[in-house]
């Protein structure tokens, strides 16, 4: 069996079809949904995510837990976060995801763009799983092959 790179020499370019039945949620969207703010973004995402299988990158889980610890959330809010995270399918890193993320950052660098490591993990998760990415973060705009669910 060859390395993941031998199967995916230009992984992001090979994994760019979209699957409308799933969606990867960026940390920004999970936060909006978790806080259940009665604003247009909350309603926007509620409508567009209805009926889709929602996935989280392990990186999003790390960021959510970081907020919990850094902001010293009380037990009730921490338990609510734990329960909310449990509602999602979490995509953990494997060799393929590592290569997709590295290739994505390299390809973007060739285009004169940068993407921080955390955002690269999240974008690579969506590319690998062939799902659109729901995010309010403008850093994901223009990534080749990455469909976004994002208010304008």
C-alpha atoms as a PDB file:
ATOM      1  CA  UNK A   1       0.000   0.000   0.000  1.00  0.00           C
ATOM      2  CA  UNK A   2       1.431   3.371  -0.994  1.00  0.00           C
ATOM      3  CA  UNK A   3       1.473   6.582   0.934  1.00  0.00           C
ATOM      4  CA  UNK A   4      -1.615   8.814   0.929  1.00  0.00           C
ATOM      5  CA  UNK A   5       0.265  11.124  -1.396  1.00  0.00           C
ATOM      6  CA  UNK A   6       0.586   8.357  -4.000  1.00  0.00           C
ATOM      7  CA  UNK A   7      -3.197   8.039  -3.984  1.00  0.00           C
ATOM      8  CA  UNK A   8      -3.790  11.806  -3.768  1.00  0.00           C
ATOM      9  CA  UNK A   9      -0.824  13.531  -5.437  1.00  0.00           C
ATOM     10  CA  UNK A  10      -2.720  16.835  -5.603  1.00  0.00           C
ATOM     11  CA  UNK A  11      -5.275  15.941  -2.963  1.00  0.00           C
ATOM     12  CA  UNK A  12      -7.292  19.177  -2.754  1.00  0.00           C
ATOM     13  CA  UNK A  13      -7.678  19.224  -6.517  1.00  0.00           C
ATOM     14  CA  UNK A  14      -8.898  15.614  -6.546  1.00  0.00           C
ATOM     15  CA  UNK A  15     -11.386  16.059  -3.731  1.00  0.00           C
ATOM     16  CA  UNK A  16     -13.361  19.047  -4.895  1.00  0.00           C
ATOM     17  CA  UNK A  17     -16.822  17.779  -5.696  1.00  0.00           C
ATOM     18  CA  UNK A  18     -19.563  18.859  -3.341  1.00  0.00           C
ATOM     19  CA  UNK A  19     -21.894  16.676  -1.363  1.00  0.00           C
ATOM     20  CA  UNK A  20     -25.076  18.561  -0.596  1.00  0.00           C
ATOM     21  CA  UNK A  21     -26.078  16.104   2.122  1.00  0.00           C
ATOM     22  CA  UNK A  22     -23.233  17.113   4.441  1.00  0.00           C
ATOM     23  CA  UNK A  23     -21.674  20.328   5.652  1.00  0.00           C
ATOM     24  CA  UNK A  24     -18.573  21.108   7.698  1.00  0.00           C
ATOM     25  CA  UNK A  25     -19.176  23.799  10.301  1.00  0.00           C
ATOM     26  CA  UNK A  26     -16.458  26.311  11.060  1.00  0.00           C
ATOM     27  CA  UNK A  27     -16.017  27.377  14.666  1.00  0.00           C
ATOM     28  CA  UNK A  28     -17.706  30.705  13.933  1.00  0.00           C
ATOM     29  CA  UNK A  29     -20.924  28.972  12.877  1.00  0.00           C
ATOM     30  CA  UNK A  30     -20.930  26.533  15.801  1.00  0.00           C
ATOM     31  CA  UNK A  31     -20.579  29.544  18.094  1.00  0.00           C
ATOM     32  CA  UNK A  32     -23.533  31.307  16.452  1.00  0.00           C
ATOM     33  CA  UNK A  33     -25.677  28.187  16.742  1.00  0.00           C
ATOM     34  CA  UNK A  34     -24.510  27.468  20.306  1.00  0.00           C
ATOM     35  CA  UNK A  35     -25.349  30.956  21.516  1.00  0.00           C
ATOM     36  CA  UNK A  36     -28.706  30.849  19.705  1.00  0.00           C
ATOM     37  CA  UNK A  37     -28.595  34.582  19.170  1.00  0.00           C
ATOM     38  CA  UNK A  38     -31.732  35.920  17.573  1.00  0.00           C
ATOM     39  CA  UNK A  39     -29.945  37.575  14.694  1.00  0.00           C
ATOM     40  CA  UNK A  40     -29.945  37.166  10.931  1.00  0.00           C
ATOM     41  CA  UNK A  41     -26.852  34.917  10.905  1.00  0.00           C
ATOM     42  CA  UNK A  42     -28.450  32.426  13.293  1.00  0.00           C
ATOM     43  CA  UNK A  43     -31.559  32.202  11.110  1.00  0.00           C
ATOM     44  CA  UNK A  44     -29.480  32.130   7.917  1.00  0.00           C
ATOM     45  CA  UNK A  45     -27.548  29.081   9.100  1.00  0.00           C
ATOM     46  CA  UNK A  46     -30.563  27.341  10.627  1.00  0.00           C
ATOM     47  CA  UNK A  47     -32.297  27.490   7.237  1.00  0.00           C
ATOM     48  CA  UNK A  48     -29.321  26.397   5.161  1.00  0.00           C
ATOM     49  CA  UNK A  49     -28.192  23.573   7.437  1.00  0.00           C
ATOM     50  CA  UNK A  50     -31.613  21.978   7.886  1.00  0.00           C
ATOM     51  CA  UNK A  51     -31.581  18.342   6.817  1.00  0.00           C
ATOM     52  CA  UNK A  52     -27.807  18.157   6.316  1.00  0.00           C
ATOM     53  CA  UNK A  53     -25.356  15.999   8.238  1.00  0.00           C
ATOM     54  CA  UNK A  54     -23.166  18.467  10.151  1.00  0.00           C
ATOM     55  CA  UNK A  55     -19.505  17.632  10.676  1.00  0.00           C
ATOM     56  CA  UNK A  56     -16.868  19.307  12.809  1.00  0.00           C
ATOM     57  CA  UNK A  57     -13.147  19.255  12.264  1.00  0.00           C
ATOM     58  CA  UNK A  58     -11.175  18.202  15.322  1.00  0.00           C
ATOM     59  CA  UNK A  59      -9.722  21.732  15.104  1.00  0.00           C
ATOM     60  CA  UNK A  60     -13.135  23.274  15.705  1.00  0.00           C
ATOM     61  CA  UNK A  61     -13.589  21.058  18.761  1.00  0.00           C
ATOM     62  CA  UNK A  62     -10.210  22.236  20.073  1.00  0.00           C
ATOM     63  CA  UNK A  63     -11.146  25.887  19.548  1.00  0.00           C
ATOM     64  CA  UNK A  64     -14.490  25.453  21.310  1.00  0.00           C
ATOM     65  CA  UNK A  65     -12.831  23.746  24.278  1.00  0.00           C
ATOM     66  CA  UNK A  66     -10.171  26.451  24.375  1.00  0.00           C
ATOM     67  CA  UNK A  67     -12.889  29.097  24.710  1.00  0.00           C
ATOM     68  CA  UNK A  68     -14.459  27.081  27.510  1.00  0.00           C
ATOM     69  CA  UNK A  69     -11.212  26.940  29.497  1.00  0.00           C
ATOM     70  CA  UNK A  70      -9.912  30.421  28.634  1.00  0.00           C
ATOM     71  CA  UNK A  71     -13.188  32.063  29.608  1.00  0.00           C
ATOM     72  CA  UNK A  72     -13.672  29.873  32.697  1.00  0.00           C
ATOM     73  CA  UNK A  73     -17.183  28.797  31.789  1.00  0.00           C
ATOM     74  CA  UNK A  74     -19.374  27.517  34.566  1.00  0.00           C
ATOM     75  CA  UNK A  75     -20.361  23.872  34.775  1.00  0.00           C
ATOM     76  CA  UNK A  76     -23.810  24.311  33.215  1.00  0.00           C
ATOM     77  CA  UNK A  77     -22.456  26.097  30.129  1.00  0.00           C
ATOM     78  CA  UNK A  78     -19.572  23.613  29.824  1.00  0.00           C
ATOM     79  CA  UNK A  79     -22.015  20.692  29.936  1.00  0.00           C
ATOM     80  CA  UNK A  80     -24.188  22.367  27.320  1.00  0.00           C
ATOM     81  CA  UNK A  81     -21.128  22.700  25.082  1.00  0.00           C
ATOM     82  CA  UNK A  82     -20.226  19.036  25.634  1.00  0.00           C
ATOM     83  CA  UNK A  83     -23.757  18.002  24.694  1.00  0.00           C
ATOM     84  CA  UNK A  84     -23.760  20.251  21.629  1.00  0.00           C
ATOM     85  CA  UNK A  85     -20.435  18.873  20.388  1.00  0.00           C
ATOM     86  CA  UNK A  86     -21.817  15.339  20.816  1.00  0.00           C
ATOM     87  CA  UNK A  87     -24.553  16.178  18.278  1.00  0.00           C
ATOM     88  CA  UNK A  88     -21.991  16.442  15.490  1.00  0.00           C
ATOM     89  CA  UNK A  89     -19.817  13.942  13.667  1.00  0.00           C
ATOM     90  CA  UNK A  90     -16.200  14.830  14.436  1.00  0.00           C
ATOM     91  CA  UNK A  91     -13.564  14.308  11.753  1.00  0.00           C
ATOM     92  CA  UNK A  92     -10.273  13.365  13.393  1.00  0.00           C
ATOM     93  CA  UNK A  93      -6.939  13.731  11.572  1.00  0.00           C
ATOM     94  CA  UNK A  94      -5.514  10.863   9.585  1.00  0.00           C
ATOM     95  CA  UNK A  95      -2.813  10.601   6.912  1.00  0.00           C
ATOM     96  CA  UNK A  96      -5.123  11.712   4.132  1.00  0.00           C
ATOM     97  CA  UNK A  97      -6.313  14.804   6.014  1.00  0.00           C
ATOM     98  CA  UNK A  98      -2.727  15.735   6.881  1.00  0.00           C
ATOM     99  CA  UNK A  99      -1.767  15.568   3.202  1.00  0.00           C
ATOM    100  CA  UNK A 100      -4.870  17.447   2.037  1.00  0.00           C
ATOM    101  CA  UNK A 101      -4.162  20.233   4.538  1.00  0.00           C
ATOM    102  CA  UNK A 102      -0.473  20.493   3.634  1.00  0.00           C
ATOM    103  CA  UNK A 103      -1.259  20.467  -0.084  1.00  0.00           C
ATOM    104  CA  UNK A 104      -3.930  23.128   0.368  1.00  0.00           C
ATOM    105  CA  UNK A 105      -1.537  25.466   2.167  1.00  0.00           C
ATOM    106  CA  UNK A 106       1.131  24.830  -0.460  1.00  0.00           C
ATOM    107  CA  UNK A 107      -1.278  25.473  -3.342  1.00  0.00           C
ATOM    108  CA  UNK A 108      -2.506  28.684  -1.721  1.00  0.00           C
ATOM    109  CA  UNK A 109       1.068  29.823  -1.180  1.00  0.00           C
ATOM    110  CA  UNK A 110       1.712  29.318  -4.909  1.00  0.00           C
ATOM    111  CA  UNK A 111      -1.297  31.598  -5.501  1.00  0.00           C
ATOM    112  CA  UNK A 112       0.190  34.257  -3.218  1.00  0.00           C
ATOM    113  CA  UNK A 113      -2.205  33.534  -0.344  1.00  0.00           C
ATOM    114  CA  UNK A 114      -1.720  32.293   3.161  1.00  0.00           C
ATOM    115  CA  UNK A 115      -4.033  30.322   5.403  1.00  0.00           C
ATOM    116  CA  UNK A 116      -3.240  29.685   9.033  1.00  0.00           C
ATOM    117  CA  UNK A 117      -2.833  26.098  10.143  1.00  0.00           C
ATOM    118  CA  UNK A 118      -6.103  25.987  12.101  1.00  0.00           C
ATOM    119  CA  UNK A 119      -8.147  27.246   9.143  1.00  0.00           C
ATOM    120  CA  UNK A 120      -6.283  24.868   6.827  1.00  0.00           C
ATOM    121  CA  UNK A 121      -7.378  21.887   8.948  1.00  0.00           C
ATOM    122  CA  UNK A 122     -10.993  23.037   8.759  1.00  0.00           C
ATOM    123  CA  UNK A 123     -10.927  23.757   5.016  1.00  0.00           C
ATOM    124  CA  UNK A 124      -9.121  20.477   4.327  1.00  0.00           C
ATOM    125  CA  UNK A 125     -11.796  18.617   6.276  1.00  0.00           C
ATOM    126  CA  UNK A 126     -14.471  20.050   3.985  1.00  0.00           C
ATOM    127  CA  UNK A 127     -12.428  19.307   0.861  1.00  0.00           C
ATOM    128  CA  UNK A 128     -11.637  15.754   1.973  1.00  0.00           C
ATOM    129  CA  UNK A 129     -15.242  14.992   2.908  1.00  0.00           C
ATOM    130  CA  UNK A 130     -16.531  16.708  -0.245  1.00  0.00           C
ATOM    131  CA  UNK A 131     -18.830  18.977   1.757  1.00  0.00           C
ATOM    132  CA  UNK A 132     -19.399  22.710   1.658  1.00  0.00           C
ATOM    133  CA  UNK A 133     -17.990  24.734   4.547  1.00  0.00           C
ATOM    134  CA  UNK A 134     -20.317  26.921   6.607  1.00  0.00           C
ATOM    135  CA  UNK A 135     -18.363  29.892   7.946  1.00  0.00           C
ATOM    136  CA  UNK A 136     -18.551  33.628   8.479  1.00  0.00           C
ATOM    137  CA  UNK A 137     -14.751  33.791   8.173  1.00  0.00           C
ATOM    138  CA  UNK A 138     -13.745  35.597   4.960  1.00  0.00           C
ATOM    139  CA  UNK A 139     -10.355  33.812   4.915  1.00  0.00           C
ATOM    140  CA  UNK A 140     -12.025  30.851   3.199  1.00  0.00           C
ATOM    141  CA  UNK A 141     -13.358  32.899   0.270  1.00  0.00           C
ATOM    142  CA  UNK A 142     -11.727  32.021  -3.030  1.00  0.00           C
ATOM    143  CA  UNK A 143     -10.197  28.705  -2.004  1.00  0.00           C
ATOM    144  CA  UNK A 144     -10.386  26.656  -5.202  1.00  0.00           C
ATOM    145  CA  UNK A 145     -12.965  23.899  -5.001  1.00  0.00           C
ATOM    146  CA  UNK A 146     -14.272  24.895  -1.572  1.00  0.00           C
ATOM    147  CA  UNK A 147     -17.969  25.751  -1.714  1.00  0.00           C
ATOM    148  CA  UNK A 148     -19.034  28.052   1.097  1.00  0.00           C
ATOM    149  CA  UNK A 149     -22.280  28.562   2.923  1.00  0.00           C
ATOM    150  CA  UNK A 150     -21.827  32.154   3.960  1.00  0.00           C
ATOM    151  CA  UNK A 151     -24.005  35.241   4.200  1.00  0.00           C
ATOM    152  CA  UNK A 152     -22.957  37.977   1.820  1.00  0.00           C
END
